[in-house]
Amino acid sequence: MRRLRLLAFLLSCMTAHFYAEAAPESIPDAASSAPDAARAIPLHDLASALRNGGYVVYFRHAATDFSKPDGAMKGYDDCANQRMLSSDGRKAARAIGERIRALKLPVGEVLASPYCRTMETATLAFGQATPKSEIRESQGGDYAGLKRLFASPVAQGTNRWIVGHGTPYRAVAGPPHLAEGEAAVMLPQPSGWTVVARVTQEQWREMR
């Protein structure tokens, strides 16, 4: 167990170093998260593009129960005092994962905000996830770590899958806001990223 913990710690350090080196320190916020007109990938071509890899796919967590706010939470693992997935959200997360597997899309990294609803979405869809606090946390109002995850290169033949929240994404990528369960597909660039598609949870069923 100690060896596994040490290995996980070393891996997290190496990963953090990679992201710090692979993307510029200062990345500007984007004005819009709508797909770029010149680089947009139509839905009927998107699965093929993702099979080739090289993309970052950012999901907002699946549908939640808004009757339970986060205000009383004492930590990321305090699920009893956080807004959690609804039964529909759990069903949607499983269905998205089933489509990703059926489409034979390469997965690679699966990263998630350490909140319970994001970790559960990622786990139900992909079977596992690595928690990354920078997906949720800002530094002086700037989500620098999240932007580095978007801008850092992804090897061909694989993709980086991230499950996070709507507000941090809008803060760095711009409007329109992501709906619960909606994903943005981004191509990393030397000084940022380009949004090439947005996919609602229902549209995964339309992809071939």
N, C-alpha and C. Protein backbone atom coordinates (compact mmCIF):
# COMPACT_ATOMS: atom_id res chain seq x y z
N MET A 1 0.83 -1.21 0.00
CA MET A 1 0.00 0.00 0.00
C MET A 1 0.87 1.26 0.00
N ARG A 2 1.96 1.23 0.85
CA ARG A 2 2.85 2.39 0.88
C ARG A 2 3.52 2.61 -0.47
N ARG A 3 3.89 1.51 -1.13
CA ARG A 3 4.52 1.64 -2.44
C ARG A 3 3.56 2.24 -3.46
N LEU A 4 2.29 1.83 -3.38
CA LEU A 4 1.30 2.36 -4.31
C LEU A 4 1.08 3.85 -4.07
N ARG A 5 1.04 4.24 -2.79
CA ARG A 5 0.87 5.66 -2.48
C ARG A 5 2.07 6.47 -2.95
N LEU A 6 3.28 5.92 -2.76
CA LEU A 6 4.47 6.62 -3.21
C LEU A 6 4.49 6.75 -4.73
N LEU A 7 4.08 5.68 -5.43
CA LEU A 7 4.03 5.72 -6.89
C LEU A 7 3.03 6.74 -7.36
N ALA A 8 1.84 6.81 -6.71
CA ALA A 8 0.82 7.79 -7.09
C ALA A 8 1.32 9.21 -6.86
N PHE A 9 2.07 9.41 -5.74
CA PHE A 9 2.61 10.74 -5.45
C PHE A 9 3.63 11.15 -6.51
N LEU A 10 4.55 10.23 -6.83
CA LEU A 10 5.57 10.54 -7.84
C LEU A 10 4.95 10.82 -9.20
N LEU A 11 3.92 10.03 -9.55
CA LEU A 11 3.24 10.24 -10.83
C LEU A 11 2.57 11.60 -10.87
N SER A 12 1.94 12.00 -9.75
CA SER A 12 1.28 13.31 -9.73
C SER A 12 2.30 14.43 -9.86
N CYS A 13 3.49 14.26 -9.25
CA CYS A 13 4.54 15.27 -9.38
C CYS A 13 5.03 15.38 -10.81
N MET A 14 5.23 14.21 -11.46
CA MET A 14 5.69 14.21 -12.85
C MET A 14 4.66 14.83 -13.76
N THR A 15 3.37 14.54 -13.51
CA THR A 15 2.30 15.09 -14.33
C THR A 15 2.23 16.60 -14.17
N ALA A 16 2.35 17.07 -12.92
CA ALA A 16 2.31 18.51 -12.68
C ALA A 16 3.47 19.20 -13.39
N HIS A 17 4.67 18.58 -13.35
CA HIS A 17 5.83 19.15 -14.04
C HIS A 17 5.60 19.20 -15.54
N PHE A 18 5.00 18.14 -16.11
CA PHE A 18 4.73 18.11 -17.55
C PHE A 18 3.82 19.25 -17.95
N TYR A 19 2.73 19.45 -17.22
CA TYR A 19 1.80 20.51 -17.60
C TYR A 19 2.44 21.88 -17.45
N ALA A 20 3.28 22.05 -16.42
CA ALA A 20 3.94 23.33 -16.23
C ALA A 20 4.90 23.63 -17.38
N GLU A 21 5.57 22.58 -17.90
CA GLU A 21 6.53 22.78 -18.96
C GLU A 21 5.88 22.83 -20.34
N ALA A 22 4.73 22.15 -20.50
CA ALA A 22 4.15 21.97 -21.83
C ALA A 22 3.31 23.15 -22.28
N ALA A 23 2.89 24.01 -21.37
CA ALA A 23 2.04 25.14 -21.73
C ALA A 23 2.64 26.42 -21.16
N PRO A 24 2.41 27.56 -21.81
CA PRO A 24 2.96 28.81 -21.30
C PRO A 24 2.40 29.16 -19.93
N GLU A 25 3.17 29.92 -19.16
CA GLU A 25 2.76 30.28 -17.81
C GLU A 25 1.49 31.14 -17.82
N SER A 26 1.41 32.07 -18.76
CA SER A 26 0.28 32.98 -18.81
C SER A 26 -0.52 32.73 -20.09
N ILE A 27 -1.74 32.25 -19.93
CA ILE A 27 -2.60 31.95 -21.06
C ILE A 27 -3.83 32.85 -20.96
N PRO A 28 -4.14 33.63 -21.98
CA PRO A 28 -5.30 34.53 -21.88
C PRO A 28 -6.62 33.78 -21.90
N ASP A 29 -7.63 34.35 -21.25
CA ASP A 29 -8.97 33.80 -21.33
C ASP A 29 -9.49 33.97 -22.76
N ALA A 30 -10.37 33.05 -23.17
CA ALA A 30 -10.97 33.14 -24.50
C ALA A 30 -12.27 33.95 -24.42
N ALA A 31 -12.65 34.54 -25.55
CA ALA A 31 -13.86 35.36 -25.59
C ALA A 31 -15.12 34.53 -25.76
N SER A 32 -15.00 33.36 -26.39
CA SER A 32 -16.17 32.54 -26.68
C SER A 32 -15.79 31.08 -26.71
N SER A 33 -16.68 30.23 -26.17
CA SER A 33 -16.47 28.79 -26.22
C SER A 33 -17.32 28.14 -27.32
N ALA A 34 -17.88 28.95 -28.20
CA ALA A 34 -18.55 28.40 -29.38
C ALA A 34 -17.49 27.84 -30.32
N PRO A 35 -17.79 26.78 -31.06
CA PRO A 35 -16.79 26.22 -31.98
C PRO A 35 -16.28 27.26 -32.96
N ASP A 36 -14.97 27.25 -33.18
CA ASP A 36 -14.34 28.18 -34.10
C ASP A 36 -14.84 27.91 -35.52
N ALA A 37 -15.28 28.96 -36.20
CA ALA A 37 -15.90 28.79 -37.52
C ALA A 37 -14.96 28.13 -38.52
N ALA A 38 -13.66 28.43 -38.43
CA ALA A 38 -12.71 27.89 -39.41
C ALA A 38 -12.24 26.49 -39.07
N ARG A 39 -12.37 26.06 -37.80
CA ARG A 39 -11.83 24.78 -37.37
C ARG A 39 -12.91 23.81 -36.86
N ALA A 40 -14.17 24.22 -36.90
CA ALA A 40 -15.25 23.40 -36.33
C ALA A 40 -15.34 22.04 -37.02
N ILE A 41 -15.60 21.01 -36.24
CA ILE A 41 -15.76 19.65 -36.76
C ILE A 41 -17.23 19.26 -36.66
N PRO A 42 -17.89 18.96 -37.78
CA PRO A 42 -19.31 18.57 -37.73
C PRO A 42 -19.49 17.30 -36.90
N LEU A 43 -20.66 17.15 -36.33
CA LEU A 43 -20.92 16.00 -35.46
C LEU A 43 -20.68 14.68 -36.17
N HIS A 44 -21.02 14.60 -37.47
CA HIS A 44 -20.87 13.33 -38.18
C HIS A 44 -19.41 12.98 -38.46
N ASP A 45 -18.49 13.94 -38.28
CA ASP A 45 -17.06 13.68 -38.47
C ASP A 45 -16.30 13.62 -37.14
N LEU A 46 -16.99 13.90 -36.04
CA LEU A 46 -16.29 14.08 -34.77
C LEU A 46 -15.70 12.78 -34.23
N ALA A 47 -16.43 11.68 -34.31
CA ALA A 47 -15.90 10.42 -33.78
C ALA A 47 -14.61 10.02 -34.49
N SER A 48 -14.58 10.22 -35.81
CA SER A 48 -13.37 9.90 -36.57
C SER A 48 -12.20 10.75 -36.11
N ALA A 49 -12.45 12.04 -35.89
CA ALA A 49 -11.38 12.93 -35.42
C ALA A 49 -10.89 12.51 -34.04
N LEU A 50 -11.81 12.17 -33.16
CA LEU A 50 -11.41 11.76 -31.81
C LEU A 50 -10.66 10.43 -31.82
N ARG A 51 -10.97 9.56 -32.76
CA ARG A 51 -10.22 8.30 -32.85
C ARG A 51 -8.76 8.56 -33.20
N ASN A 52 -8.50 9.60 -33.96
CA ASN A 52 -7.12 9.96 -34.29
C ASN A 52 -6.40 10.55 -33.09
N GLY A 53 -7.15 11.15 -32.16
CA GLY A 53 -6.58 11.67 -30.93
C GLY A 53 -6.02 13.07 -31.06
N GLY A 54 -5.44 13.54 -29.95
CA GLY A 54 -4.84 14.86 -29.91
C GLY A 54 -5.74 15.93 -29.32
N TYR A 55 -6.92 15.55 -28.78
CA TYR A 55 -7.90 16.51 -28.31
C TYR A 55 -8.06 16.48 -26.79
N VAL A 56 -8.56 17.59 -26.28
CA VAL A 56 -9.02 17.68 -24.89
C VAL A 56 -10.54 17.73 -24.93
N VAL A 57 -11.18 16.84 -24.18
CA VAL A 57 -12.64 16.81 -24.11
C VAL A 57 -13.04 17.17 -22.68
N TYR A 58 -13.70 18.31 -22.53
CA TYR A 58 -14.09 18.81 -21.21
C TYR A 58 -15.60 18.67 -21.04
N PHE A 59 -15.99 17.88 -20.04
CA PHE A 59 -17.40 17.72 -19.69
C PHE A 59 -17.74 18.58 -18.48
N ARG A 60 -18.91 19.21 -18.49
CA ARG A 60 -19.50 19.61 -17.23
C ARG A 60 -20.16 18.36 -16.65
N HIS A 61 -20.09 18.19 -15.33
CA HIS A 61 -20.68 17.01 -14.70
C HIS A 61 -22.12 16.81 -15.14
N ALA A 62 -22.62 15.60 -15.00
CA ALA A 62 -23.98 15.27 -15.40
C ALA A 62 -25.00 15.91 -14.44
N ALA A 63 -26.28 15.71 -14.71
CA ALA A 63 -27.37 16.39 -13.99
C ALA A 63 -27.30 16.15 -12.48
N THR A 64 -27.60 17.22 -11.73
CA THR A 64 -27.48 17.17 -10.27
C THR A 64 -28.79 17.52 -9.57
N ASP A 65 -28.80 17.24 -8.28
CA ASP A 65 -29.93 17.57 -7.41
C ASP A 65 -29.65 18.93 -6.78
N PHE A 66 -30.29 19.98 -7.28
CA PHE A 66 -30.02 21.34 -6.82
C PHE A 66 -30.61 21.65 -5.45
N SER A 67 -31.31 20.70 -4.84
CA SER A 67 -31.87 20.94 -3.51
C SER A 67 -30.81 20.86 -2.42
N LYS A 68 -29.61 20.39 -2.76
CA LYS A 68 -28.54 20.22 -1.76
C LYS A 68 -27.33 21.05 -2.19
N PRO A 69 -27.12 22.23 -1.57
CA PRO A 69 -26.00 23.10 -1.96
C PRO A 69 -24.67 22.62 -1.35
N ASP A 70 -23.58 23.31 -1.76
CA ASP A 70 -22.25 22.95 -1.29
C ASP A 70 -21.81 23.73 -0.05
N GLY A 71 -22.64 24.66 0.41
CA GLY A 71 -22.21 25.61 1.44
C GLY A 71 -21.68 24.99 2.72
N ALA A 72 -22.22 23.84 3.11
CA ALA A 72 -21.83 23.25 4.40
C ALA A 72 -20.70 22.23 4.27
N MET A 73 -20.18 22.01 3.07
CA MET A 73 -19.15 20.98 2.90
C MET A 73 -17.88 21.33 3.67
N LYS A 74 -17.26 20.30 4.26
CA LYS A 74 -16.04 20.47 5.05
C LYS A 74 -14.80 20.06 4.26
N GLY A 75 -14.98 19.50 3.09
CA GLY A 75 -13.87 19.05 2.27
C GLY A 75 -14.41 18.38 1.02
N TYR A 76 -13.51 18.11 0.08
CA TYR A 76 -13.94 17.52 -1.18
C TYR A 76 -14.61 16.16 -0.98
N ASP A 77 -14.20 15.41 0.04
CA ASP A 77 -14.77 14.07 0.25
C ASP A 77 -16.02 14.07 1.10
N ASP A 78 -16.51 15.26 1.47
CA ASP A 78 -17.73 15.38 2.28
C ASP A 78 -18.94 15.38 1.35
N CYS A 79 -19.24 14.22 0.79
CA CYS A 79 -20.31 14.13 -0.21
C CYS A 79 -21.69 14.43 0.38
N ALA A 80 -21.85 14.19 1.67
CA ALA A 80 -23.16 14.40 2.30
C ALA A 80 -23.57 15.86 2.29
N ASN A 81 -22.60 16.77 2.15
CA ASN A 81 -22.90 18.20 2.18
C ASN A 81 -22.54 18.88 0.86
N GLN A 82 -22.65 18.13 -0.23
CA GLN A 82 -22.42 18.68 -1.56
C GLN A 82 -23.61 18.41 -2.46
N ARG A 83 -23.72 19.21 -3.51
CA ARG A 83 -24.71 18.92 -4.55
C ARG A 83 -24.25 17.69 -5.31
N MET A 84 -25.08 16.68 -5.36
CA MET A 84 -24.71 15.40 -5.93
C MET A 84 -25.46 15.13 -7.23
N LEU A 85 -25.03 14.12 -7.96
CA LEU A 85 -25.75 13.71 -9.16
C LEU A 85 -27.14 13.23 -8.80
N SER A 86 -28.08 13.53 -9.67
CA SER A 86 -29.43 12.97 -9.54
C SER A 86 -29.42 11.57 -10.17
N SER A 87 -30.52 10.87 -10.03
CA SER A 87 -30.60 9.54 -10.67
C SER A 87 -30.49 9.68 -12.18
N ASP A 88 -31.08 10.76 -12.74
CA ASP A 88 -30.96 10.99 -14.18
C ASP A 88 -29.50 11.28 -14.56
N GLY A 89 -28.79 12.01 -13.71
CA GLY A 89 -27.40 12.30 -13.97
C GLY A 89 -26.54 11.05 -13.99
N ARG A 90 -26.79 10.15 -13.05
CA ARG A 90 -26.02 8.89 -13.02
C ARG A 90 -26.30 8.07 -14.27
N LYS A 91 -27.57 8.03 -14.66
CA LYS A 91 -27.94 7.30 -15.87
C LYS A 91 -27.25 7.89 -17.09
N ALA A 92 -27.23 9.24 -17.17
CA ALA A 92 -26.61 9.91 -18.32
C ALA A 92 -25.11 9.66 -18.37
N ALA A 93 -24.43 9.70 -17.21
CA ALA A 93 -22.99 9.48 -17.17
C ALA A 93 -22.65 8.07 -17.66
N ARG A 94 -23.42 7.09 -17.22
CA ARG A 94 -23.20 5.71 -17.69
C ARG A 94 -23.41 5.60 -19.19
N ALA A 95 -24.47 6.26 -19.68
CA ALA A 95 -24.79 6.19 -21.11
C ALA A 95 -23.70 6.83 -21.96
N ILE A 96 -23.15 7.95 -21.50
CA ILE A 96 -22.06 8.60 -22.23
C ILE A 96 -20.85 7.68 -22.30
N GLY A 97 -20.52 7.06 -21.18
CA GLY A 97 -19.40 6.13 -21.17
C GLY A 97 -19.60 4.95 -22.10
N GLU A 98 -20.82 4.44 -22.15
CA GLU A 98 -21.12 3.32 -23.05
C GLU A 98 -20.93 3.72 -24.50
N ARG A 99 -21.33 4.95 -24.86
CA ARG A 99 -21.17 5.42 -26.24
C ARG A 99 -19.70 5.63 -26.57
N ILE A 100 -18.93 6.17 -25.64
CA ILE A 100 -17.50 6.37 -25.88
C ILE A 100 -16.81 5.03 -26.16
N ARG A 101 -17.19 4.02 -25.39
CA ARG A 101 -16.61 2.69 -25.62
C ARG A 101 -17.10 2.09 -26.94
N ALA A 102 -18.39 2.26 -27.22
CA ALA A 102 -18.95 1.70 -28.47
C ALA A 102 -18.33 2.36 -29.69
N LEU A 103 -18.01 3.65 -29.59
CA LEU A 103 -17.40 4.38 -30.69
C LEU A 103 -15.90 4.13 -30.80
N LYS A 104 -15.36 3.39 -29.81
CA LYS A 104 -13.93 3.05 -29.78
C LYS A 104 -13.05 4.30 -29.78
N LEU A 105 -13.42 5.25 -28.93
CA LEU A 105 -12.65 6.48 -28.82
C LEU A 105 -11.52 6.27 -27.82
N PRO A 106 -10.28 6.59 -28.19
CA PRO A 106 -9.18 6.42 -27.24
C PRO A 106 -9.33 7.38 -26.07
N VAL A 107 -9.06 6.88 -24.89
CA VAL A 107 -9.32 7.66 -23.68
C VAL A 107 -8.07 8.37 -23.18
N GLY A 108 -7.01 7.67 -22.85
CA GLY A 108 -5.84 8.32 -22.27
C GLY A 108 -6.12 8.78 -20.86
N GLU A 109 -5.77 10.05 -20.57
CA GLU A 109 -5.98 10.59 -19.23
C GLU A 109 -7.47 10.83 -18.96
N VAL A 110 -7.90 10.55 -17.73
CA VAL A 110 -9.22 10.96 -17.25
C VAL A 110 -8.98 11.75 -15.98
N LEU A 111 -9.24 13.05 -16.03
CA LEU A 111 -9.04 13.95 -14.91
C LEU A 111 -10.38 14.52 -14.47
N ALA A 112 -10.52 14.76 -13.17
CA ALA A 112 -11.79 15.31 -12.68
C ALA A 112 -11.55 16.25 -11.52
N SER A 113 -12.39 17.25 -11.42
CA SER A 113 -12.43 18.06 -10.20
C SER A 113 -12.71 17.12 -9.03
N PRO A 114 -12.10 17.36 -7.87
CA PRO A 114 -12.27 16.44 -6.75
C PRO A 114 -13.63 16.50 -6.06
N TYR A 115 -14.54 17.35 -6.51
CA TYR A 115 -15.89 17.34 -5.95
C TYR A 115 -16.54 15.99 -6.23
N CYS A 116 -17.48 15.62 -5.36
CA CYS A 116 -18.10 14.29 -5.48
C CYS A 116 -18.87 14.13 -6.79
N ARG A 117 -19.57 15.16 -7.24
CA ARG A 117 -20.39 15.02 -8.44
C ARG A 117 -19.55 14.87 -9.71
N THR A 118 -18.36 15.50 -9.72
CA THR A 118 -17.50 15.38 -10.88
C THR A 118 -16.75 14.05 -10.87
N MET A 119 -16.28 13.64 -9.70
CA MET A 119 -15.61 12.35 -9.60
C MET A 119 -16.58 11.22 -9.92
N GLU A 120 -17.84 11.34 -9.47
CA GLU A 120 -18.81 10.29 -9.76
C GLU A 120 -19.14 10.25 -11.25
N THR A 121 -19.30 11.41 -11.87
CA THR A 121 -19.56 11.44 -13.31
C THR A 121 -18.44 10.74 -14.08
N ALA A 122 -17.19 11.09 -13.74
CA ALA A 122 -16.05 10.50 -14.44
C ALA A 122 -15.95 9.00 -14.19
N THR A 123 -16.19 8.58 -12.96
CA THR A 123 -16.07 7.16 -12.62
C THR A 123 -17.16 6.34 -13.29
N LEU A 124 -18.38 6.87 -13.33
CA LEU A 124 -19.47 6.15 -14.00
C LEU A 124 -19.23 6.07 -15.51
N ALA A 125 -18.66 7.11 -16.09
CA ALA A 125 -18.44 7.12 -17.54
C ALA A 125 -17.20 6.33 -17.95
N PHE A 126 -16.11 6.47 -17.18
CA PHE A 126 -14.82 5.93 -17.60
C PHE A 126 -14.28 4.82 -16.71
N GLY A 127 -14.90 4.61 -15.57
CA GLY A 127 -14.44 3.57 -14.66
C GLY A 127 -13.40 4.04 -13.66
N GLN A 128 -12.80 5.20 -13.88
CA GLN A 128 -11.77 5.73 -12.99
C GLN A 128 -11.50 7.18 -13.36
N ALA A 129 -10.87 7.90 -12.43
CA ALA A 129 -10.49 9.29 -12.70
C ALA A 129 -9.43 9.71 -11.70
N THR A 130 -8.55 10.62 -12.12
CA THR A 130 -7.55 11.22 -11.25
C THR A 130 -8.05 12.59 -10.82
N PRO A 131 -8.19 12.84 -9.51
CA PRO A 131 -8.67 14.16 -9.06
C PRO A 131 -7.61 15.23 -9.29
N LYS A 132 -8.04 16.39 -9.80
CA LYS A 132 -7.14 17.52 -10.04
C LYS A 132 -7.81 18.78 -9.51
N SER A 133 -7.29 19.32 -8.42
CA SER A 133 -7.94 20.46 -7.78
C SER A 133 -7.94 21.70 -8.66
N GLU A 134 -6.94 21.84 -9.56
CA GLU A 134 -6.89 23.03 -10.39
C GLU A 134 -8.04 23.12 -11.39
N ILE A 135 -8.76 22.04 -11.60
CA ILE A 135 -9.94 22.09 -12.47
C ILE A 135 -11.02 22.98 -11.85
N ARG A 136 -11.05 23.03 -10.53
CA ARG A 136 -12.07 23.79 -9.81
C ARG A 136 -11.53 25.08 -9.20
N GLU A 137 -10.30 25.03 -8.69
CA GLU A 137 -9.80 26.13 -7.87
C GLU A 137 -9.13 27.21 -8.71
N SER A 138 -9.39 28.47 -8.35
CA SER A 138 -8.75 29.59 -9.03
C SER A 138 -7.63 30.14 -8.17
N GLN A 139 -6.71 30.82 -8.82
CA GLN A 139 -5.61 31.48 -8.12
C GLN A 139 -5.74 32.98 -8.38
N GLY A 140 -6.27 33.69 -7.40
CA GLY A 140 -6.47 35.13 -7.59
C GLY A 140 -7.45 35.44 -8.70
N GLY A 141 -8.44 34.58 -8.89
CA GLY A 141 -9.45 34.79 -9.92
C GLY A 141 -9.08 34.24 -11.28
N ASP A 142 -7.87 33.65 -11.39
CA ASP A 142 -7.42 33.10 -12.66
C ASP A 142 -7.26 31.58 -12.54
N TYR A 143 -7.93 30.85 -13.41
CA TYR A 143 -7.82 29.39 -13.39
C TYR A 143 -6.62 28.96 -14.25
N ALA A 144 -5.43 29.31 -13.77
CA ALA A 144 -4.22 29.08 -14.57
C ALA A 144 -3.98 27.59 -14.80
N GLY A 145 -4.20 26.77 -13.77
CA GLY A 145 -3.99 25.33 -13.92
C GLY A 145 -4.95 24.70 -14.91
N LEU A 146 -6.20 25.13 -14.90
CA LEU A 146 -7.19 24.61 -15.83
C LEU A 146 -6.81 24.98 -17.26
N LYS A 147 -6.36 26.21 -17.46
CA LYS A 147 -5.96 26.63 -18.80
C LYS A 147 -4.76 25.84 -19.31
N ARG A 148 -3.84 25.49 -18.42
CA ARG A 148 -2.71 24.67 -18.84
C ARG A 148 -3.16 23.27 -19.27
N LEU A 149 -4.17 22.73 -18.59
CA LEU A 149 -4.71 21.42 -18.99
C LEU A 149 -5.33 21.49 -20.38
N PHE A 150 -5.92 22.62 -20.72
CA PHE A 150 -6.52 22.80 -22.04
C PHE A 150 -5.46 22.99 -23.13
N ALA A 151 -4.37 23.69 -22.79
CA ALA A 151 -3.39 24.08 -23.79
C ALA A 151 -2.25 23.08 -23.95
N SER A 152 -2.03 22.20 -22.97
CA SER A 152 -0.91 21.25 -23.07
C SER A 152 -1.18 20.23 -24.16
N PRO A 153 -0.16 19.93 -24.98
CA PRO A 153 -0.35 18.99 -26.09
C PRO A 153 -0.82 17.62 -25.63
N VAL A 154 -1.57 16.97 -26.50
CA VAL A 154 -2.04 15.60 -26.28
C VAL A 154 -1.51 14.75 -27.43
N ALA A 155 -0.92 13.62 -27.10
CA ALA A 155 -0.32 12.76 -28.12
C ALA A 155 -1.37 12.24 -29.08
N GLN A 156 -0.98 12.10 -30.35
CA GLN A 156 -1.86 11.48 -31.32
C GLN A 156 -2.20 10.05 -30.87
N GLY A 157 -3.41 9.64 -31.15
CA GLY A 157 -3.85 8.30 -30.75
C GLY A 157 -4.44 8.23 -29.37
N THR A 158 -4.49 9.37 -28.67
CA THR A 158 -5.11 9.41 -27.36
C THR A 158 -5.77 10.77 -27.17
N ASN A 159 -6.59 10.90 -26.14
CA ASN A 159 -7.26 12.16 -25.82
C ASN A 159 -7.20 12.38 -24.31
N ARG A 160 -7.30 13.65 -23.91
CA ARG A 160 -7.38 14.00 -22.49
C ARG A 160 -8.84 14.31 -22.16
N TRP A 161 -9.44 13.55 -21.25
CA TRP A 161 -10.83 13.72 -20.87
C TRP A 161 -10.88 14.36 -19.49
N ILE A 162 -11.63 15.44 -19.37
CA ILE A 162 -11.71 16.20 -18.11
C ILE A 162 -13.18 16.36 -17.73
N VAL A 163 -13.49 16.10 -16.48
CA VAL A 163 -14.85 16.35 -15.97
C VAL A 163 -14.75 17.45 -14.92
N GLY A 164 -15.43 18.56 -15.19
CA GLY A 164 -15.36 19.70 -14.28
C GLY A 164 -16.71 20.35 -14.10
N HIS A 165 -16.67 21.68 -13.95
CA HIS A 165 -17.86 22.46 -13.61
C HIS A 165 -18.11 23.52 -14.69
N GLY A 166 -19.33 24.06 -14.67
CA GLY A 166 -19.69 25.06 -15.67
C GLY A 166 -19.03 26.40 -15.46
N THR A 167 -18.95 26.87 -14.21
CA THR A 167 -18.45 28.22 -13.94
C THR A 167 -16.97 28.37 -14.29
N PRO A 168 -16.06 27.47 -13.86
CA PRO A 168 -14.66 27.62 -14.26
C PRO A 168 -14.47 27.58 -15.77
N TYR A 169 -15.24 26.71 -16.44
CA TYR A 169 -15.09 26.63 -17.90
C TYR A 169 -15.48 27.95 -18.56
N ARG A 170 -16.63 28.50 -18.15
CA ARG A 170 -17.06 29.77 -18.74
C ARG A 170 -16.06 30.88 -18.42
N ALA A 171 -15.48 30.84 -17.23
CA ALA A 171 -14.53 31.89 -16.82
C ALA A 171 -13.32 31.95 -17.74
N VAL A 172 -12.84 30.79 -18.19
CA VAL A 172 -11.63 30.79 -19.02
C VAL A 172 -11.92 30.67 -20.52
N ALA A 173 -13.04 30.02 -20.87
CA ALA A 173 -13.33 29.75 -22.28
C ALA A 173 -14.40 30.67 -22.86
N GLY A 174 -15.15 31.35 -21.99
CA GLY A 174 -16.17 32.26 -22.46
C GLY A 174 -17.52 31.59 -22.66
N PRO A 175 -18.57 32.40 -22.93
CA PRO A 175 -19.90 31.85 -23.18
C PRO A 175 -19.96 31.22 -24.57
N PRO A 176 -20.99 30.39 -24.84
CA PRO A 176 -22.13 30.05 -24.00
C PRO A 176 -21.80 29.02 -22.91
N HIS A 177 -22.59 29.08 -21.83
CA HIS A 177 -22.38 28.20 -20.68
C HIS A 177 -22.62 26.75 -21.08
N LEU A 178 -21.83 25.85 -20.51
CA LEU A 178 -22.06 24.42 -20.73
C LEU A 178 -23.24 23.94 -19.91
N ALA A 179 -24.13 23.19 -20.53
CA ALA A 179 -25.22 22.55 -19.79
C ALA A 179 -24.66 21.35 -19.03
N GLU A 180 -25.39 20.89 -18.03
CA GLU A 180 -24.95 19.69 -17.32
C GLU A 180 -24.88 18.52 -18.30
N GLY A 181 -23.76 17.82 -18.28
CA GLY A 181 -23.55 16.69 -19.19
C GLY A 181 -23.04 17.07 -20.56
N GLU A 182 -22.94 18.37 -20.87
CA GLU A 182 -22.45 18.80 -22.17
C GLU A 182 -20.92 18.81 -22.18
N ALA A 183 -20.33 18.56 -23.35
CA ALA A 183 -18.88 18.53 -23.50
C ALA A 183 -18.42 19.53 -24.55
N ALA A 184 -17.23 20.06 -24.35
CA ALA A 184 -16.55 20.88 -25.35
C ALA A 184 -15.30 20.12 -25.79
N VAL A 185 -15.08 20.05 -27.10
CA VAL A 185 -13.90 19.39 -27.65
C VAL A 185 -12.94 20.47 -28.10
N MET A 186 -11.71 20.40 -27.59
CA MET A 186 -10.73 21.46 -27.83
C MET A 186 -9.44 20.89 -28.40
N LEU A 187 -8.84 21.66 -29.29
CA LEU A 187 -7.54 21.33 -29.85
C LEU A 187 -6.50 22.22 -29.19
N PRO A 188 -5.56 21.65 -28.44
CA PRO A 188 -4.53 22.49 -27.81
C PRO A 188 -3.71 23.27 -28.83
N GLN A 189 -3.36 24.50 -28.45
CA GLN A 189 -2.57 25.38 -29.31
C GLN A 189 -1.37 25.89 -28.51
N PRO A 190 -0.33 26.43 -29.17
CA PRO A 190 0.85 26.91 -28.45
C PRO A 190 0.55 27.94 -27.36
N SER A 191 -0.48 28.75 -27.55
CA SER A 191 -0.78 29.78 -26.56
C SER A 191 -2.21 29.70 -26.06
N GLY A 192 -2.83 28.53 -26.16
CA GLY A 192 -4.22 28.38 -25.70
C GLY A 192 -4.86 27.14 -26.26
N TRP A 193 -6.04 27.29 -26.83
CA TRP A 193 -6.78 26.16 -27.37
C TRP A 193 -7.83 26.68 -28.35
N THR A 194 -8.33 25.79 -29.18
CA THR A 194 -9.40 26.13 -30.11
C THR A 194 -10.54 25.14 -29.89
N VAL A 195 -11.74 25.66 -29.65
CA VAL A 195 -12.92 24.80 -29.51
C VAL A 195 -13.36 24.37 -30.91
N VAL A 196 -13.44 23.06 -31.14
CA VAL A 196 -13.82 22.56 -32.46
C VAL A 196 -15.21 21.94 -32.47
N ALA A 197 -15.78 21.66 -31.29
CA ALA A 197 -17.13 21.09 -31.23
C ALA A 197 -17.65 21.18 -29.81
N ARG A 198 -18.97 21.19 -29.71
CA ARG A 198 -19.65 21.03 -28.43
C ARG A 198 -20.67 19.91 -28.62
N VAL A 199 -20.78 19.04 -27.61
CA VAL A 199 -21.60 17.84 -27.73
C VAL A 199 -22.52 17.73 -26.51
N THR A 200 -23.82 17.76 -26.73
CA THR A 200 -24.75 17.53 -25.63
C THR A 200 -24.75 16.04 -25.29
N GLN A 201 -25.28 15.71 -24.11
CA GLN A 201 -25.27 14.30 -23.73
C GLN A 201 -26.12 13.45 -24.69
N GLU A 202 -27.15 14.05 -25.29
CA GLU A 202 -27.98 13.30 -26.24
C GLU A 202 -27.27 13.06 -27.57
N GLN A 203 -26.37 13.98 -27.95
CA GLN A 203 -25.72 13.88 -29.26
C GLN A 203 -24.70 12.74 -29.35
N TRP A 204 -24.23 12.22 -28.23
CA TRP A 204 -23.31 11.07 -28.31
C TRP A 204 -23.97 9.90 -29.01
N ARG A 205 -25.28 9.77 -28.88
CA ARG A 205 -25.99 8.67 -29.53
C ARG A 205 -26.03 8.83 -31.05
N GLU A 206 -25.89 10.07 -31.54
CA GLU A 206 -25.95 10.34 -32.97
C GLU A 206 -24.61 10.12 -33.67
N MET A 207 -23.54 10.03 -32.90
CA MET A 207 -22.20 9.91 -33.50
C MET A 207 -21.94 8.50 -33.97
N ARG A 208 -21.20 8.38 -35.07
CA ARG A 208 -20.88 7.07 -35.67
C ARG A 208 -19.39 6.99 -35.99
